[in-house]
């Protein structure tokens, strides 16, 4: 009888371990999502001191220069040029005011491009998705990271207004090597505050966003000039939160 009892206990213990093998990862994923949601709620009211992208780049800079710092200064939405708001929406996410965090048509077009080239060359990310990535994730390109980015984007859209999302994005987006946010970018490239940016200056900064470190070093490429001119023409049609 004792032997049967021990066998029964062993069987029960084995089943318990099997259950946790399946439930453990699910609980971990749930806890991670709860953490992201809690941080999204926090950022809906409080400004982030730094982001995942900032910390990652600062670490890289300090590997070469231990006393390196980032160029970053937070400014409220009202102190960012309307030209820059319009330029960024025109360049990065024309449907910003309409979508719920993900632009499915843009994603489909990006998926088709990636398939044609047999690699991930673009993600069709909205401003909300880019904010999710900058705040919490990395710059790696994978469909797993893309999925997490989308989940956080839906959280952002659920908790925050479009105005707050754009305010956060303009303050944390990377504009060059160690340069984050509209205020730092305006002073770094044009020696003026973000509130004073003109139409062409704003268009150029917006065009740099997909590859800011490259354009920080290559500021006079033909593509950059052509794209800047195109965005400058489109800006007046871009709708931004008031």
C-alpha atoms as a PDB file:
ATOM      1  CA  UNK A   1       0.000   0.000   0.000  1.00  0.00           C
ATOM      2  CA  UNK A   2       2.826   2.396   0.835  1.00  0.00           C
ATOM      3  CA  UNK A   3       4.422   1.638  -2.535  1.00  0.00           C
ATOM      4  CA  UNK A   4       1.168   2.435  -4.341  1.00  0.00           C
ATOM      5  CA  UNK A   5       0.845   5.644  -2.347  1.00  0.00           C
ATOM      6  CA  UNK A   6       4.351   6.731  -3.330  1.00  0.00           C
ATOM      7  CA  UNK A   7       3.664   5.935  -6.972  1.00  0.00           C
ATOM      8  CA  UNK A   8       0.461   7.939  -6.825  1.00  0.00           C
ATOM      9  CA  UNK A   9       2.240  10.898  -5.295  1.00  0.00           C
ATOM     10  CA  UNK A  10       4.973  10.670  -7.921  1.00  0.00           C
ATOM     11  CA  UNK A  11       2.368  10.603 -10.695  1.00  0.00           C
ATOM     12  CA  UNK A  12       0.586  13.624  -9.240  1.00  0.00           C
ATOM     13  CA  UNK A  13       3.874  15.485  -8.909  1.00  0.00           C
ATOM     14  CA  UNK A  14       4.758  14.642 -12.508  1.00  0.00           C
ATOM     15  CA  UNK A  15       1.437  15.951 -13.737  1.00  0.00           C
ATOM     16  CA  UNK A  16       1.954  19.147 -11.751  1.00  0.00           C
ATOM     17  CA  UNK A  17       5.326  19.731 -13.383  1.00  0.00           C
ATOM     18  CA  UNK A  18       3.889  19.078 -16.839  1.00  0.00           C
ATOM     19  CA  UNK A  19       1.139  21.609 -16.133  1.00  0.00           C
ATOM     20  CA  UNK A  20       3.669  24.250 -15.105  1.00  0.00           C
ATOM     21  CA  UNK A  21       5.799  23.550 -18.160  1.00  0.00           C
ATOM     22  CA  UNK A  22       2.858  24.737 -20.261  1.00  0.00           C
ATOM     23  CA  UNK A  23       1.434  27.356 -17.919  1.00  0.00           C
ATOM     24  CA  UNK A  24       4.766  28.930 -16.874  1.00  0.00           C
ATOM     25  CA  UNK A  25       5.572  30.567 -20.234  1.00  0.00           C
ATOM     26  CA  UNK A  26       1.982  31.792 -20.584  1.00  0.00           C
ATOM     27  CA  UNK A  27       2.106  33.398 -17.151  1.00  0.00           C
ATOM     28  CA  UNK A  28       5.446  34.997 -17.990  1.00  0.00           C
ATOM     29  CA  UNK A  29       4.033  36.466 -21.207  1.00  0.00           C
ATOM     30  CA  UNK A  30       1.023  37.774 -19.283  1.00  0.00           C
ATOM     31  CA  UNK A  31       3.245  39.411 -16.658  1.00  0.00           C
ATOM     32  CA  UNK A  32       5.321  41.091 -19.374  1.00  0.00           C
ATOM     33  CA  UNK A  33       2.173  42.479 -21.006  1.00  0.00           C
ATOM     34  CA  UNK A  34       0.903  43.729 -17.649  1.00  0.00           C
ATOM     35  CA  UNK A  35       4.227  45.498 -17.118  1.00  0.00           C
ATOM     36  CA  UNK A  36       3.993  47.168 -20.527  1.00  0.00           C
ATOM     37  CA  UNK A  37       0.398  48.217 -19.859  1.00  0.00           C
ATOM     38  CA  UNK A  38       1.310  49.672 -16.462  1.00  0.00           C
ATOM     39  CA  UNK A  39       4.134  51.692 -18.064  1.00  0.00           C
ATOM     40  CA  UNK A  40       1.836  52.902 -20.838  1.00  0.00           C
ATOM     41  CA  UNK A  41      -0.600  54.143 -18.180  1.00  0.00           C
ATOM     42  CA  UNK A  42       2.271  55.896 -16.393  1.00  0.00           C
ATOM     43  CA  UNK A  43       3.504  57.580 -19.591  1.00  0.00           C
ATOM     44  CA  UNK A  44       0.010  58.798 -20.371  1.00  0.00           C
ATOM     45  CA  UNK A  45       0.566  61.322 -17.576  1.00  0.00           C
ATOM     46  CA  UNK A  46       4.298  61.414 -16.830  1.00  0.00           C
ATOM     47  CA  UNK A  47       7.115  62.109 -19.297  1.00  0.00           C
ATOM     48  CA  UNK A  48       9.739  59.362 -19.706  1.00  0.00           C
ATOM     49  CA  UNK A  49      13.218  60.293 -18.562  1.00  0.00           C
ATOM     50  CA  UNK A  50      14.726  57.843 -21.046  1.00  0.00           C
ATOM     51  CA  UNK A  51      13.659  55.059 -23.392  1.00  0.00           C
ATOM     52  CA  UNK A  52      14.899  51.623 -24.393  1.00  0.00           C
ATOM     53  CA  UNK A  53      16.459  53.131 -27.548  1.00  0.00           C
ATOM     54  CA  UNK A  54      18.167  55.881 -25.564  1.00  0.00           C
ATOM     55  CA  UNK A  55      19.643  53.498 -23.024  1.00  0.00           C
ATOM     56  CA  UNK A  56      20.845  51.145 -25.745  1.00  0.00           C
ATOM     57  CA  UNK A  57      22.547  53.911 -27.708  1.00  0.00           C
ATOM     58  CA  UNK A  58      24.087  55.503 -24.621  1.00  0.00           C
ATOM     59  CA  UNK A  59      25.598  52.143 -23.729  1.00  0.00           C
ATOM     60  CA  UNK A  60      27.103  51.885 -27.231  1.00  0.00           C
ATOM     61  CA  UNK A  61      28.497  55.407 -27.058  1.00  0.00           C
ATOM     62  CA  UNK A  62      30.057  54.789 -23.647  1.00  0.00           C
ATOM     63  CA  UNK A  63      31.803  51.674 -24.893  1.00  0.00           C
ATOM     64  CA  UNK A  64      33.974  54.052 -26.937  1.00  0.00           C
ATOM     65  CA  UNK A  65      33.736  57.153 -24.743  1.00  0.00           C
ATOM     66  CA  UNK A  66      32.933  56.497 -21.058  1.00  0.00           C
ATOM     67  CA  UNK A  67      31.750  60.054 -20.380  1.00  0.00           C
ATOM     68  CA  UNK A  68      29.448  60.230 -23.430  1.00  0.00           C
ATOM     69  CA  UNK A  69      25.992  61.754 -22.985  1.00  0.00           C
ATOM     70  CA  UNK A  70      22.880  62.011 -25.126  1.00  0.00           C
ATOM     71  CA  UNK A  71      21.473  65.214 -26.579  1.00  0.00           C
ATOM     72  CA  UNK A  72      17.887  65.301 -25.336  1.00  0.00           C
ATOM     73  CA  UNK A  73      15.579  67.929 -23.881  1.00  0.00           C
ATOM     74  CA  UNK A  74      11.866  67.426 -23.293  1.00  0.00           C
ATOM     75  CA  UNK A  75       9.520  70.158 -24.519  1.00  0.00           C
ATOM     76  CA  UNK A  76       5.718  70.208 -24.323  1.00  0.00           C
ATOM     77  CA  UNK A  77       3.584  69.764 -27.427  1.00  0.00           C
ATOM     78  CA  UNK A  78       2.877  73.514 -27.701  1.00  0.00           C
ATOM     79  CA  UNK A  79       6.605  74.294 -28.004  1.00  0.00           C
ATOM     80  CA  UNK A  80       7.120  72.101 -31.066  1.00  0.00           C
ATOM     81  CA  UNK A  81       6.689  73.718 -34.460  1.00  0.00           C
ATOM     82  CA  UNK A  82       3.445  72.928 -36.264  1.00  0.00           C
ATOM     83  CA  UNK A  83       5.615  72.480 -39.361  1.00  0.00           C
ATOM     84  CA  UNK A  84       7.445  69.590 -37.706  1.00  0.00           C
ATOM     85  CA  UNK A  85       4.234  67.933 -36.503  1.00  0.00           C
ATOM     86  CA  UNK A  86       2.818  68.063 -40.022  1.00  0.00           C
ATOM     87  CA  UNK A  87       6.063  66.970 -41.637  1.00  0.00           C
ATOM     88  CA  UNK A  88       6.419  63.921 -39.400  1.00  0.00           C
ATOM     89  CA  UNK A  89       2.825  62.828 -39.991  1.00  0.00           C
ATOM     90  CA  UNK A  90       3.159  63.398 -43.759  1.00  0.00           C
ATOM     91  CA  UNK A  91       6.423  61.468 -43.928  1.00  0.00           C
ATOM     92  CA  UNK A  92       5.891  58.696 -41.391  1.00  0.00           C
ATOM     93  CA  UNK A  93       2.167  58.044 -41.024  1.00  0.00           C
ATOM     94  CA  UNK A  94      -0.309  59.844 -43.286  1.00  0.00           C
ATOM     95  CA  UNK A  95      -3.255  58.024 -41.668  1.00  0.00           C
ATOM     96  CA  UNK A  96      -2.189  58.808 -38.100  1.00  0.00           C
ATOM     97  CA  UNK A  97      -5.516  60.341 -37.097  1.00  0.00           C
ATOM     98  CA  UNK A  98      -7.607  57.519 -38.580  1.00  0.00           C
ATOM     99  CA  UNK A  99      -6.021  54.227 -37.531  1.00  0.00           C
ATOM    100  CA  UNK A 100      -6.210  52.532 -34.140  1.00  0.00           C
ATOM    101  CA  UNK A 101      -2.471  51.994 -33.809  1.00  0.00           C
ATOM    102  CA  UNK A 102      -1.812  49.785 -36.824  1.00  0.00           C
ATOM    103  CA  UNK A 103      -2.252  50.691 -40.492  1.00  0.00           C
ATOM    104  CA  UNK A 104      -3.146  47.321 -41.982  1.00  0.00           C
ATOM    105  CA  UNK A 105      -2.824  48.467 -45.607  1.00  0.00           C
ATOM    106  CA  UNK A 106       0.679  49.797 -44.944  1.00  0.00           C
ATOM    107  CA  UNK A 107       1.567  46.510 -43.230  1.00  0.00           C
ATOM    108  CA  UNK A 108       0.348  44.540 -46.234  1.00  0.00           C
ATOM    109  CA  UNK A 109       2.450  46.647 -48.602  1.00  0.00           C
ATOM    110  CA  UNK A 110       5.509  46.209 -46.345  1.00  0.00           C
ATOM    111  CA  UNK A 111       4.922  42.439 -46.189  1.00  0.00           C
ATOM    112  CA  UNK A 112       4.846  42.257 -49.982  1.00  0.00           C
ATOM    113  CA  UNK A 113       8.085  44.260 -50.252  1.00  0.00           C
ATOM    114  CA  UNK A 114       9.777  42.012 -47.703  1.00  0.00           C
ATOM    115  CA  UNK A 115       8.697  38.899 -49.591  1.00  0.00           C
ATOM    116  CA  UNK A 116      10.004  40.262 -52.895  1.00  0.00           C
ATOM    117  CA  UNK A 117      13.412  40.922 -51.330  1.00  0.00           C
ATOM    118  CA  UNK A 118      13.373  37.786 -49.132  1.00  0.00           C
ATOM    119  CA  UNK A 119      14.245  39.796 -46.034  1.00  0.00           C
ATOM    120  CA  UNK A 120      12.712  42.327 -43.642  1.00  0.00           C
ATOM    121  CA  UNK A 121      13.508  45.716 -45.212  1.00  0.00           C
ATOM    122  CA  UNK A 122      10.568  47.686 -43.842  1.00  0.00           C
ATOM    123  CA  UNK A 123       7.790  47.213 -41.368  1.00  0.00           C
ATOM    124  CA  UNK A 124       5.043  49.629 -42.393  1.00  0.00           C
ATOM    125  CA  UNK A 125       5.036  50.953 -38.842  1.00  0.00           C
ATOM    126  CA  UNK A 126       2.749  53.755 -37.736  1.00  0.00           C
ATOM    127  CA  UNK A 127       3.904  56.555 -35.459  1.00  0.00           C
ATOM    128  CA  UNK A 128       2.221  54.687 -32.599  1.00  0.00           C
ATOM    129  CA  UNK A 129       4.160  51.504 -33.387  1.00  0.00           C
ATOM    130  CA  UNK A 130       7.406  53.426 -33.642  1.00  0.00           C
ATOM    131  CA  UNK A 131       6.711  54.988 -30.263  1.00  0.00           C
ATOM    132  CA  UNK A 132       6.076  51.517 -28.804  1.00  0.00           C
ATOM    133  CA  UNK A 133       9.384  50.306 -30.221  1.00  0.00           C
ATOM    134  CA  UNK A 134      11.342  53.334 -29.028  1.00  0.00           C
ATOM    135  CA  UNK A 135       9.911  53.252 -25.512  1.00  0.00           C
ATOM    136  CA  UNK A 136      10.199  49.545 -24.773  1.00  0.00           C
ATOM    137  CA  UNK A 137      11.837  47.420 -27.479  1.00  0.00           C
ATOM    138  CA  UNK A 138      14.936  47.232 -29.662  1.00  0.00           C
ATOM    139  CA  UNK A 139      15.773  48.101 -33.238  1.00  0.00           C
ATOM    140  CA  UNK A 140      16.019  44.458 -34.314  1.00  0.00           C
ATOM    141  CA  UNK A 141      13.832  43.368 -37.211  1.00  0.00           C
ATOM    142  CA  UNK A 142      11.797  40.239 -36.647  1.00  0.00           C
ATOM    143  CA  UNK A 143       8.155  39.263 -36.831  1.00  0.00           C
ATOM    144  CA  UNK A 144       8.162  38.355 -33.124  1.00  0.00           C
ATOM    145  CA  UNK A 145       9.285  41.855 -32.170  1.00  0.00           C
ATOM    146  CA  UNK A 146       6.781  43.259 -34.664  1.00  0.00           C
ATOM    147  CA  UNK A 147       3.999  41.370 -32.916  1.00  0.00           C
ATOM    148  CA  UNK A 148       4.962  42.775 -29.515  1.00  0.00           C
ATOM    149  CA  UNK A 149       5.204  46.230 -31.051  1.00  0.00           C
ATOM    150  CA  UNK A 150       1.626  45.925 -32.321  1.00  0.00           C
ATOM    151  CA  UNK A 151       0.325  44.805 -28.925  1.00  0.00           C
ATOM    152  CA  UNK A 152       1.917  47.818 -27.223  1.00  0.00           C
ATOM    153  CA  UNK A 153       0.615  50.096 -29.984  1.00  0.00           C
ATOM    154  CA  UNK A 154      -2.939  48.986 -29.206  1.00  0.00           C
ATOM    155  CA  UNK A 155      -2.289  49.704 -25.519  1.00  0.00           C
ATOM    156  CA  UNK A 156      -1.037  53.191 -26.358  1.00  0.00           C
ATOM    157  CA  UNK A 157      -4.072  53.959 -28.506  1.00  0.00           C
ATOM    158  CA  UNK A 158      -6.420  52.638 -25.817  1.00  0.00           C
ATOM    159  CA  UNK A 159      -4.941  54.692 -22.993  1.00  0.00           C
ATOM    160  CA  UNK A 160      -3.655  57.853 -24.688  1.00  0.00           C
ATOM    161  CA  UNK A 161      -4.965  60.577 -26.964  1.00  0.00           C
ATOM    162  CA  UNK A 162      -3.447  61.080 -30.406  1.00  0.00           C
ATOM    163  CA  UNK A 163      -2.012  64.345 -29.168  1.00  0.00           C
ATOM    164  CA  UNK A 164      -0.162  62.622 -26.305  1.00  0.00           C
ATOM    165  CA  UNK A 165       1.143  59.897 -28.612  1.00  0.00           C
ATOM    166  CA  UNK A 166       2.533  62.464 -31.051  1.00  0.00           C
ATOM    167  CA  UNK A 167       3.967  64.549 -28.204  1.00  0.00           C
ATOM    168  CA  UNK A 168       5.793  61.506 -26.826  1.00  0.00           C
ATOM    169  CA  UNK A 169       7.049  60.436 -30.236  1.00  0.00           C
ATOM    170  CA  UNK A 170       8.403  63.870 -31.154  1.00  0.00           C
ATOM    171  CA  UNK A 171      10.254  64.000 -27.832  1.00  0.00           C
ATOM    172  CA  UNK A 172      11.878  60.552 -27.946  1.00  0.00           C
ATOM    173  CA  UNK A 173      12.450  59.850 -31.653  1.00  0.00           C
ATOM    174  CA  UNK A 174      16.074  59.505 -32.732  1.00  0.00           C
ATOM    175  CA  UNK A 175      17.256  62.247 -35.099  1.00  0.00           C
ATOM    176  CA  UNK A 176      20.967  61.448 -35.196  1.00  0.00           C
ATOM    177  CA  UNK A 177      23.801  59.759 -33.363  1.00  0.00           C
ATOM    178  CA  UNK A 178      22.999  60.465 -29.719  1.00  0.00           C
ATOM    179  CA  UNK A 179      20.342  63.046 -30.690  1.00  0.00           C
ATOM    180  CA  UNK A 180      16.817  62.401 -29.389  1.00  0.00           C
ATOM    181  CA  UNK A 181      13.709  64.522 -29.586  1.00  0.00           C
ATOM    182  CA  UNK A 182      12.640  67.561 -31.578  1.00  0.00           C
ATOM    183  CA  UNK A 183      14.272  70.151 -29.307  1.00  0.00           C
ATOM    184  CA  UNK A 184      17.702  68.531 -29.363  1.00  0.00           C
ATOM    185  CA  UNK A 185      17.431  67.952 -33.127  1.00  0.00           C
ATOM    186  CA  UNK A 186      16.477  71.563 -33.858  1.00  0.00           C
ATOM    187  CA  UNK A 187      19.380  72.879 -31.806  1.00  0.00           C
ATOM    188  CA  UNK A 188      21.845  70.291 -33.159  1.00  0.00           C
ATOM    189  CA  UNK A 189      21.102  70.863 -36.845  1.00  0.00           C
ATOM    190  CA  UNK A 190      19.764  74.440 -36.964  1.00  0.00           C
ATOM    191  CA  UNK A 191      20.895  76.162 -33.737  1.00  0.00           C
ATOM    192  CA  UNK A 192      17.319  77.085 -32.822  1.00  0.00           C
ATOM    193  CA  UNK A 193      14.504  75.740 -30.620  1.00  0.00           C
ATOM    194  CA  UNK A 194      11.958  73.291 -31.986  1.00  0.00           C
ATOM    195  CA  UNK A 195       9.262  75.980 -31.825  1.00  0.00           C
ATOM    196  CA  UNK A 196      11.111  78.045 -34.459  1.00  0.00           C
ATOM    197  CA  UNK A 197      11.609  75.382 -37.122  1.00  0.00           C
ATOM    198  CA  UNK A 198      10.606  76.460 -40.618  1.00  0.00           C
ATOM    199  CA  UNK A 199       8.839  74.369 -43.240  1.00  0.00           C
ATOM    200  CA  UNK A 200      11.910  73.097 -45.098  1.00  0.00           C
ATOM    201  CA  UNK A 201      13.863  72.490 -41.885  1.00  0.00           C
ATOM    202  CA  UNK A 202      10.977  70.470 -40.444  1.00  0.00           C
ATOM    203  CA  UNK A 203      10.594  68.468 -43.654  1.00  0.00           C
ATOM    204  CA  UNK A 204      14.283  67.572 -43.653  1.00  0.00           C
ATOM    205  CA  UNK A 205      14.200  66.402 -40.036  1.00  0.00           C
ATOM    206  CA  UNK A 206      11.139  64.268 -40.730  1.00  0.00           C
ATOM    207  CA  UNK A 207      12.787  62.650 -43.754  1.00  0.00           C
ATOM    208  CA  UNK A 208      15.807  61.729 -41.628  1.00  0.00           C
ATOM    209  CA  UNK A 209      13.750  59.684 -39.154  1.00  0.00           C
ATOM    210  CA  UNK A 210      13.893  56.270 -40.893  1.00  0.00           C
ATOM    211  CA  UNK A 211      17.724  56.320 -40.897  1.00  0.00           C
ATOM    212  CA  UNK A 212      18.865  59.207 -38.677  1.00  0.00           C
ATOM    213  CA  UNK A 213      22.451  58.105 -38.022  1.00  0.00           C
ATOM    214  CA  UNK A 214      23.144  57.772 -41.739  1.00  0.00           C
ATOM    215  CA  UNK A 215      21.698  61.180 -42.567  1.00  0.00           C
ATOM    216  CA  UNK A 216      23.534  62.735 -39.630  1.00  0.00           C
ATOM    217  CA  UNK A 217      26.731  61.874 -41.530  1.00  0.00           C
ATOM    218  CA  UNK A 218      25.332  62.318 -45.059  1.00  0.00           C
ATOM    219  CA  UNK A 219      23.328  65.539 -44.971  1.00  0.00           C
ATOM    220  CA  UNK A 220      23.450  66.451 -48.674  1.00  0.00           C
ATOM    221  CA  UNK A 221      22.394  63.334 -50.557  1.00  0.00           C
ATOM    222  CA  UNK A 222      20.211  63.718 -53.656  1.00  0.00           C
ATOM    223  CA  UNK A 223      17.562  61.436 -52.150  1.00  0.00           C
ATOM    224  CA  UNK A 224      17.393  63.489 -48.957  1.00  0.00           C
ATOM    225  CA  UNK A 225      16.878  66.675 -50.941  1.00  0.00           C
ATOM    226  CA  UNK A 226      14.247  65.177 -53.255  1.00  0.00           C
ATOM    227  CA  UNK A 227      12.351  63.599 -50.373  1.00  0.00           C
ATOM    228  CA  UNK A 228      12.526  66.824 -48.349  1.00  0.00           C
ATOM    229  CA  UNK A 229      10.998  68.756 -51.246  1.00  0.00           C
ATOM    230  CA  UNK A 230       8.236  66.172 -51.621  1.00  0.00           C
ATOM    231  CA  UNK A 231       7.333  66.236 -47.921  1.00  0.00           C
ATOM    232  CA  UNK A 232       7.407  70.038 -47.875  1.00  0.00           C
ATOM    233  CA  UNK A 233       4.728  69.972 -50.580  1.00  0.00           C
ATOM    234  CA  UNK A 234       2.609  67.384 -48.749  1.00  0.00           C
ATOM    235  CA  UNK A 235       2.803  68.901 -45.266  1.00  0.00           C
ATOM    236  CA  UNK A 236      -0.096  71.303 -45.655  1.00  0.00           C
ATOM    237  CA  UNK A 237      -2.461  68.363 -46.192  1.00  0.00           C
ATOM    238  CA  UNK A 238      -1.345  66.516 -43.041  1.00  0.00           C
ATOM    239  CA  UNK A 239      -3.845  66.545 -40.177  1.00  0.00           C
ATOM    240  CA  UNK A 240      -2.360  66.699 -36.682  1.00  0.00           C
ATOM    241  CA  UNK A 241      -3.948  66.802 -33.230  1.00  0.00           C
ATOM    242  CA  UNK A 242      -4.572  70.310 -31.936  1.00  0.00           C
END
